[in-house]
Amino acid sequence: MDRLTSMAVFVRAVDLGSFAAAADALEMSGPMVGKHVRFLEERLGARLLNRTTRRQSLTDAGQAYYERCRAVLSEAEAADSVVADQLSEPRGRLRVTMPALLGRHCIAPLLMKLARKYPHLELDLSFGDPIADIVEAGYDLAIRTGDLHDQSGLIARRIASQRMVVCGARSYLRTSGKPKSLDDLAAHQAIIYRGSGRVRPWLFPQEGGPQREIMPSGRLRLDDLEAIADAAAQGMGLAWLPYWLVRERLDTGALVNLFSSQPPFLYECHALWPRSPRLPPKVRAAVDILATGLPKLMA
């Protein structure tokens, strides 16, 4: 029999004054209560209880053992509570990899808020291109935008949608004209995003059909979206950028949102983490705060 369980039964029998009362409280039979007590007595080689048909009382050895059992059971409960607290409250090091610009502007501020809430949580954040193998690299969480490819061994959850807009400075539009349709973009200077060494097309959803791809052309090629937004605000051409990145420039008039009546293309933003039987509280808390906060930042 399990000694700790038998000790708990013994303590309950003493506290309630009878085997029958302990049996009711513990939802077991009276004989089983007696079996637990006899197990302890046989293991100790000493009688713990004097029992008659009318009453029971502790022996001297039983009194000493009872007091120590209560202390042991209390410590066991405290140990369980420590583990339960660790399992329920985010703590320990959380390693996250994310796109650099999105990470600095949107993700990191939310994770900092989480760290302020949970003082035992440590953040280890990596800003840059997504890691090919999250598990091998030892990350707890990865944030990715766009299409997901190999997800073997990973769980993915969509946490936000990043909408894209075509924008340009008023100075550029005065000299080069304002495009009235997507077809007109071919006649304009585009500030080209060259991520991972290749030019990315501008994408536009079309009702009842596949998305339309427009390959931008221009004399500026940059691999940083914020630099593209700066160049667009200086009148160097049109840019296709995330709305959250240019929101302030649009509000102040530094940039103009073109094709505002055109449905925007949405880049889905996903959180990915290694598959495991139990989601660690630190990962769950991070995913939850991002799923709640990112849509508001990107709206």
Protein backbone atom coordinates (compact mmCIF):
# COMPACT_ATOMS: atom_id res chain seq x y z
CA MET A 1 0.00 0.00 0.00
CA ASP A 2 1.04 3.61 -0.47
CA ARG A 3 2.41 4.88 2.83
CA LEU A 4 1.39 8.51 2.26
CA THR A 5 -2.19 7.47 1.48
CA SER A 6 -2.30 5.28 4.59
CA MET A 7 -1.02 8.17 6.68
CA ALA A 8 -3.78 10.42 5.30
CA VAL A 9 -6.41 7.78 6.14
CA PHE A 10 -5.00 7.37 9.65
CA VAL A 11 -5.06 11.13 10.29
CA ARG A 12 -8.63 11.40 9.01
CA ALA A 13 -9.73 8.49 11.26
CA VAL A 14 -8.20 10.22 14.29
CA ASP A 15 -9.67 13.63 13.40
CA LEU A 16 -13.19 12.26 12.86
CA GLY A 17 -13.10 9.87 15.81
CA SER A 18 -14.02 6.60 14.04
CA PHE A 19 -13.23 4.38 11.08
CA ALA A 20 -16.83 4.67 9.89
CA ALA A 21 -16.71 8.48 9.76
CA ALA A 22 -13.36 8.39 7.98
CA ALA A 23 -14.75 5.89 5.48
CA ASP A 24 -17.68 8.19 4.67
CA ALA A 25 -15.42 11.22 4.28
CA LEU A 26 -12.92 9.39 2.09
CA GLU A 27 -15.57 7.46 0.15
CA MET A 28 -14.11 4.06 0.96
CA SER A 29 -15.28 1.09 3.00
CA GLY A 30 -14.77 0.82 6.76
CA PRO A 31 -12.67 -2.35 6.38
CA MET A 32 -10.40 -0.50 3.93
CA VAL A 33 -9.80 2.21 6.54
CA GLY A 34 -8.84 -0.50 9.01
CA LYS A 35 -6.55 -2.07 6.42
CA HIS A 36 -4.63 1.19 5.98
CA VAL A 37 -4.18 1.60 9.72
CA ARG A 38 -3.04 -2.02 10.14
CA PHE A 39 -0.57 -1.52 7.30
CA LEU A 40 1.05 1.32 9.23
CA GLU A 41 1.05 -0.58 12.49
CA GLU A 42 2.63 -3.65 10.91
CA ARG A 43 5.22 -1.49 9.15
CA LEU A 44 6.06 0.34 12.39
CA GLY A 45 5.75 -2.67 14.66
CA ALA A 46 3.65 -0.66 17.10
CA ARG A 47 -0.03 -0.19 17.88
CA LEU A 48 -1.31 3.26 16.95
CA LEU A 49 -4.94 3.05 18.09
CA ASN A 50 -6.77 1.40 20.97
CA ARG A 51 -10.23 0.50 19.72
CA THR A 52 -13.30 -0.83 21.45
CA THR A 53 -16.86 -1.15 20.23
CA ARG A 54 -17.62 2.26 21.74
CA ARG A 55 -14.54 4.39 21.26
CA GLN A 56 -11.02 4.65 19.95
CA SER A 57 -8.00 6.40 21.41
CA LEU A 58 -4.43 6.98 20.40
CA THR A 59 -1.61 5.12 22.05
CA ASP A 60 1.44 7.09 23.09
CA ALA A 61 3.21 5.96 19.92
CA GLY A 62 0.07 6.75 17.97
CA GLN A 63 -0.08 10.30 19.34
CA ALA A 64 3.51 11.01 18.34
CA TYR A 65 3.00 9.40 14.95
CA TYR A 66 -0.23 11.32 14.37
CA GLU A 67 1.46 14.67 14.96
CA ARG A 68 4.32 13.80 12.60
CA CYS A 69 1.88 12.50 9.98
CA ARG A 70 0.03 15.80 10.02
CA ALA A 71 3.30 17.65 9.49
CA VAL A 72 4.33 15.31 6.65
CA LEU A 73 0.94 15.61 4.91
CA SER A 74 1.06 19.39 5.25
CA GLU A 75 4.50 19.45 3.65
CA ALA A 76 3.29 17.17 0.86
CA GLU A 77 0.39 19.51 0.14
CA ALA A 78 2.76 22.47 0.14
CA ALA A 79 5.02 20.66 -2.34
CA ASP A 80 2.04 19.96 -4.60
CA SER A 81 1.06 23.63 -4.39
CA VAL A 82 4.53 24.77 -5.45
CA VAL A 83 4.40 22.58 -8.55
CA ALA A 84 0.82 23.61 -9.28
CA ASP A 85 1.83 27.27 -9.06
CA GLN A 86 4.74 26.66 -11.43
CA LEU A 87 2.47 24.89 -13.87
CA SER A 88 -0.22 27.56 -13.78
CA GLU A 89 1.86 30.75 -13.73
CA PRO A 90 4.18 31.56 -16.66
CA ARG A 91 7.78 31.32 -15.51
CA GLY A 92 11.19 30.38 -16.81
CA ARG A 93 12.85 31.37 -20.06
CA LEU A 94 10.65 31.91 -23.13
CA ARG A 95 12.59 31.83 -26.42
CA VAL A 96 10.77 33.48 -29.31
CA THR A 97 11.83 34.07 -32.92
CA MET A 98 9.99 36.61 -35.07
CA PRO A 99 10.32 38.88 -38.14
CA ALA A 100 12.50 41.83 -37.18
CA LEU A 101 10.24 44.79 -38.00
CA LEU A 102 6.98 43.21 -36.90
CA GLY A 103 8.76 42.00 -33.80
CA ARG A 104 10.12 45.39 -32.78
CA HIS A 105 6.93 47.34 -33.48
CA CYS A 106 4.18 44.92 -32.46
CA ILE A 107 5.26 41.63 -30.89
CA ALA A 108 7.98 42.68 -28.44
CA PRO A 109 5.83 45.39 -26.76
CA LEU A 110 3.14 42.80 -26.03
CA LEU A 111 5.66 40.29 -24.69
CA MET A 112 7.21 43.01 -22.49
CA LYS A 113 3.75 43.64 -21.08
CA LEU A 114 3.53 39.91 -20.30
CA ALA A 115 6.93 39.97 -18.59
CA ARG A 116 5.87 42.89 -16.41
CA LYS A 117 2.82 40.91 -15.31
CA TYR A 118 4.76 37.74 -14.47
CA PRO A 119 8.02 38.53 -12.63
CA HIS A 120 9.33 34.96 -12.91
CA LEU A 121 9.09 34.96 -16.72
CA GLU A 122 12.31 35.52 -18.69
CA LEU A 123 12.31 36.64 -22.34
CA ASP A 124 14.88 35.57 -24.93
CA LEU A 125 13.79 37.24 -28.19
CA SER A 126 15.33 36.79 -31.63
CA PHE A 127 14.58 39.30 -34.39
CA GLY A 128 15.22 38.22 -37.97
CA ASP A 129 14.27 35.73 -40.65
CA PRO A 130 12.28 32.73 -39.40
CA ILE A 131 14.32 29.78 -38.23
CA ALA A 132 13.86 26.76 -40.50
CA ASP A 133 13.74 24.23 -37.65
CA ILE A 134 12.22 25.71 -34.50
CA VAL A 135 12.63 22.54 -32.46
CA GLU A 136 16.27 22.01 -33.38
CA ALA A 137 17.06 25.66 -32.69
CA GLY A 138 15.46 25.35 -29.25
CA TYR A 139 12.73 27.96 -29.63
CA ASP A 140 9.54 27.79 -27.58
CA LEU A 141 7.58 29.95 -30.02
CA ALA A 142 7.89 31.35 -33.53
CA ILE A 143 5.87 34.11 -35.20
CA ARG A 144 5.54 33.94 -38.97
CA THR A 145 3.63 35.84 -41.62
CA GLY A 146 2.44 34.56 -44.97
CA ASP A 147 2.11 30.98 -46.10
CA LEU A 148 3.23 28.20 -43.81
CA HIS A 149 5.26 25.40 -45.29
CA ASP A 150 6.69 22.52 -43.29
CA GLN A 151 4.78 22.24 -39.99
CA SER A 152 5.83 18.74 -39.00
CA GLY A 153 6.06 18.47 -35.22
CA LEU A 154 4.54 21.94 -34.77
CA ILE A 155 1.22 23.42 -33.71
CA ALA A 156 0.08 26.56 -35.58
CA ARG A 157 -2.50 29.14 -34.53
CA ARG A 158 -3.54 32.19 -36.57
CA ILE A 159 -3.22 35.21 -34.31
CA ALA A 160 -3.74 38.19 -36.65
CA SER A 161 -4.09 39.38 -40.24
CA GLN A 162 -1.68 41.95 -41.64
CA ARG A 163 -3.35 44.03 -44.37
CA MET A 164 -1.28 45.57 -47.13
CA VAL A 165 -1.81 48.99 -48.72
CA VAL A 166 -0.38 50.82 -51.72
CA CYS A 167 0.73 54.29 -50.72
CA GLY A 168 2.73 57.25 -51.94
CA ALA A 169 3.67 60.81 -51.03
CA ARG A 170 1.65 63.77 -52.30
CA SER A 171 4.82 65.16 -53.89
CA TYR A 172 5.20 62.01 -55.98
CA LEU A 173 1.51 61.99 -56.96
CA ARG A 174 1.70 65.65 -58.06
CA THR A 175 4.58 64.98 -60.45
CA SER A 176 3.71 61.44 -61.61
CA GLY A 177 -0.06 61.40 -61.33
CA LYS A 178 -2.33 59.22 -59.23
CA PRO A 179 -2.98 55.69 -60.48
CA LYS A 180 -6.70 55.09 -60.97
CA SER A 181 -6.55 51.31 -61.33
CA LEU A 182 -4.19 48.44 -60.66
CA ASP A 183 -3.30 48.41 -64.36
CA ASP A 184 -1.89 51.93 -63.98
CA LEU A 185 0.77 50.70 -61.53
CA ALA A 186 2.94 49.49 -64.42
CA ALA A 187 3.56 53.11 -65.40
CA HIS A 188 4.77 54.14 -61.92
CA GLN A 189 8.01 53.94 -60.01
CA ALA A 190 7.76 51.34 -57.29
CA ILE A 191 10.00 51.05 -54.26
CA ILE A 192 10.78 47.35 -54.35
CA TYR A 193 11.08 45.07 -51.35
CA ARG A 194 13.84 42.56 -51.94
CA GLY A 195 13.49 40.10 -49.09
CA SER A 196 15.75 37.04 -48.94
CA GLY A 197 17.38 38.09 -52.18
CA ARG A 198 14.27 38.04 -54.37
CA VAL A 199 11.65 40.55 -55.42
CA ARG A 200 8.21 39.95 -53.95
CA PRO A 201 5.12 40.66 -56.10
CA TRP A 202 2.36 42.94 -54.91
CA LEU A 203 -0.76 40.89 -54.26
CA PHE A 204 -4.40 41.91 -54.60
CA PRO A 205 -7.47 39.75 -53.92
CA GLN A 206 -10.00 39.36 -56.72
CA GLU A 207 -13.61 38.40 -56.23
CA GLY A 208 -14.35 34.90 -57.45
CA GLY A 209 -10.83 34.23 -58.66
CA PRO A 210 -7.19 33.83 -57.70
CA GLN A 211 -5.27 36.75 -56.27
CA ARG A 212 -3.70 39.12 -58.75
CA GLU A 213 0.07 39.46 -58.76
CA ILE A 214 1.76 42.64 -59.96
CA MET A 215 5.53 42.58 -60.21
CA PRO A 216 6.77 46.05 -59.23
CA SER A 217 9.40 47.87 -61.24
CA GLY A 218 11.57 50.76 -60.14
CA ARG A 219 15.10 51.90 -59.46
CA LEU A 220 15.05 51.43 -55.68
CA ARG A 221 15.40 47.96 -54.17
CA LEU A 222 15.53 47.67 -50.38
CA ASP A 223 15.39 44.78 -47.96
CA ASP A 224 13.89 46.74 -45.06
CA LEU A 225 10.21 47.72 -44.97
CA GLU A 226 10.75 50.72 -42.72
CA ALA A 227 13.35 52.09 -45.12
CA ILE A 228 10.82 51.63 -47.93
CA ALA A 229 8.23 53.61 -45.95
CA ASP A 230 10.79 56.40 -45.43
CA ALA A 231 11.65 56.46 -49.14
CA ALA A 232 7.97 56.57 -50.09
CA ALA A 233 7.38 59.49 -47.72
CA GLN A 234 10.26 61.31 -49.46
CA GLY A 235 8.47 61.00 -52.81
CA MET A 236 10.70 58.33 -54.32
CA GLY A 237 7.83 56.16 -55.57
CA LEU A 238 4.89 54.02 -54.57
CA ALA A 239 5.14 51.32 -51.93
CA TRP A 240 3.14 48.25 -50.92
CA LEU A 241 3.39 48.05 -47.16
CA PRO A 242 1.64 46.76 -44.02
CA TYR A 243 -0.98 49.21 -42.83
CA TRP A 244 0.26 49.12 -39.23
CA LEU A 245 3.68 50.31 -40.38
CA VAL A 246 2.42 53.39 -42.27
CA ARG A 247 -0.65 54.22 -40.16
CA GLU A 248 0.90 57.31 -38.57
CA ARG A 249 2.20 58.57 -41.92
CA LEU A 250 -1.26 58.12 -43.42
CA ASP A 251 -2.88 59.92 -40.49
CA THR A 252 -0.51 62.90 -40.80
CA GLY A 253 -0.78 63.03 -44.59
CA ALA A 254 2.86 62.17 -45.19
CA LEU A 255 1.54 59.26 -47.29
CA VAL A 256 -1.69 58.74 -49.18
CA ASN A 257 -3.51 55.42 -49.20
CA LEU A 258 -4.29 54.50 -52.82
CA PHE A 259 -7.02 52.04 -53.84
CA SER A 260 -8.75 52.36 -50.48
CA SER A 261 -11.90 50.93 -52.06
CA GLN A 262 -9.96 47.86 -53.20
CA PRO A 263 -10.12 44.93 -50.72
CA PRO A 264 -6.66 44.71 -49.12
CA PHE A 265 -4.48 41.65 -49.36
CA LEU A 266 -4.13 39.97 -45.98
CA TYR A 267 -0.95 38.29 -44.80
CA GLU A 268 -1.93 35.84 -42.08
CA CYS A 269 0.20 35.96 -38.96
CA HIS A 270 0.71 32.65 -37.15
CA ALA A 271 2.20 31.51 -33.88
CA LEU A 272 3.95 28.14 -34.04
CA TRP A 273 5.29 26.01 -31.22
CA PRO A 274 6.61 22.46 -30.80
CA ARG A 275 3.97 19.79 -30.36
CA SER A 276 3.88 18.42 -26.81
CA PRO A 277 1.37 16.61 -24.55
CA ARG A 278 0.90 19.75 -22.45
CA LEU A 279 1.24 23.35 -23.59
CA PRO A 280 3.60 25.14 -21.17
CA PRO A 281 1.90 28.06 -19.38
CA LYS A 282 4.57 30.50 -20.62
CA VAL A 283 3.79 29.59 -24.25
CA ARG A 284 0.04 29.64 -23.69
CA ALA A 285 0.22 33.09 -22.07
CA ALA A 286 2.39 34.46 -24.89
CA VAL A 287 0.11 33.12 -27.63
CA ASP A 288 -2.99 34.42 -25.85
CA ILE A 289 -1.66 37.95 -25.38
CA LEU A 290 -0.50 38.08 -29.01
CA ALA A 291 -3.83 36.78 -30.31
CA THR A 292 -5.61 39.44 -28.26
CA GLY A 293 -3.24 42.36 -28.85
CA LEU A 294 -1.91 41.98 -32.41
CA PRO A 295 -5.26 42.42 -34.22
CA LYS A 296 -5.73 45.74 -32.42
CA LEU A 297 -2.26 46.92 -33.43
CA MET A 298 -2.80 45.88 -37.04
CA ALA A 299 -6.35 47.24 -37.43
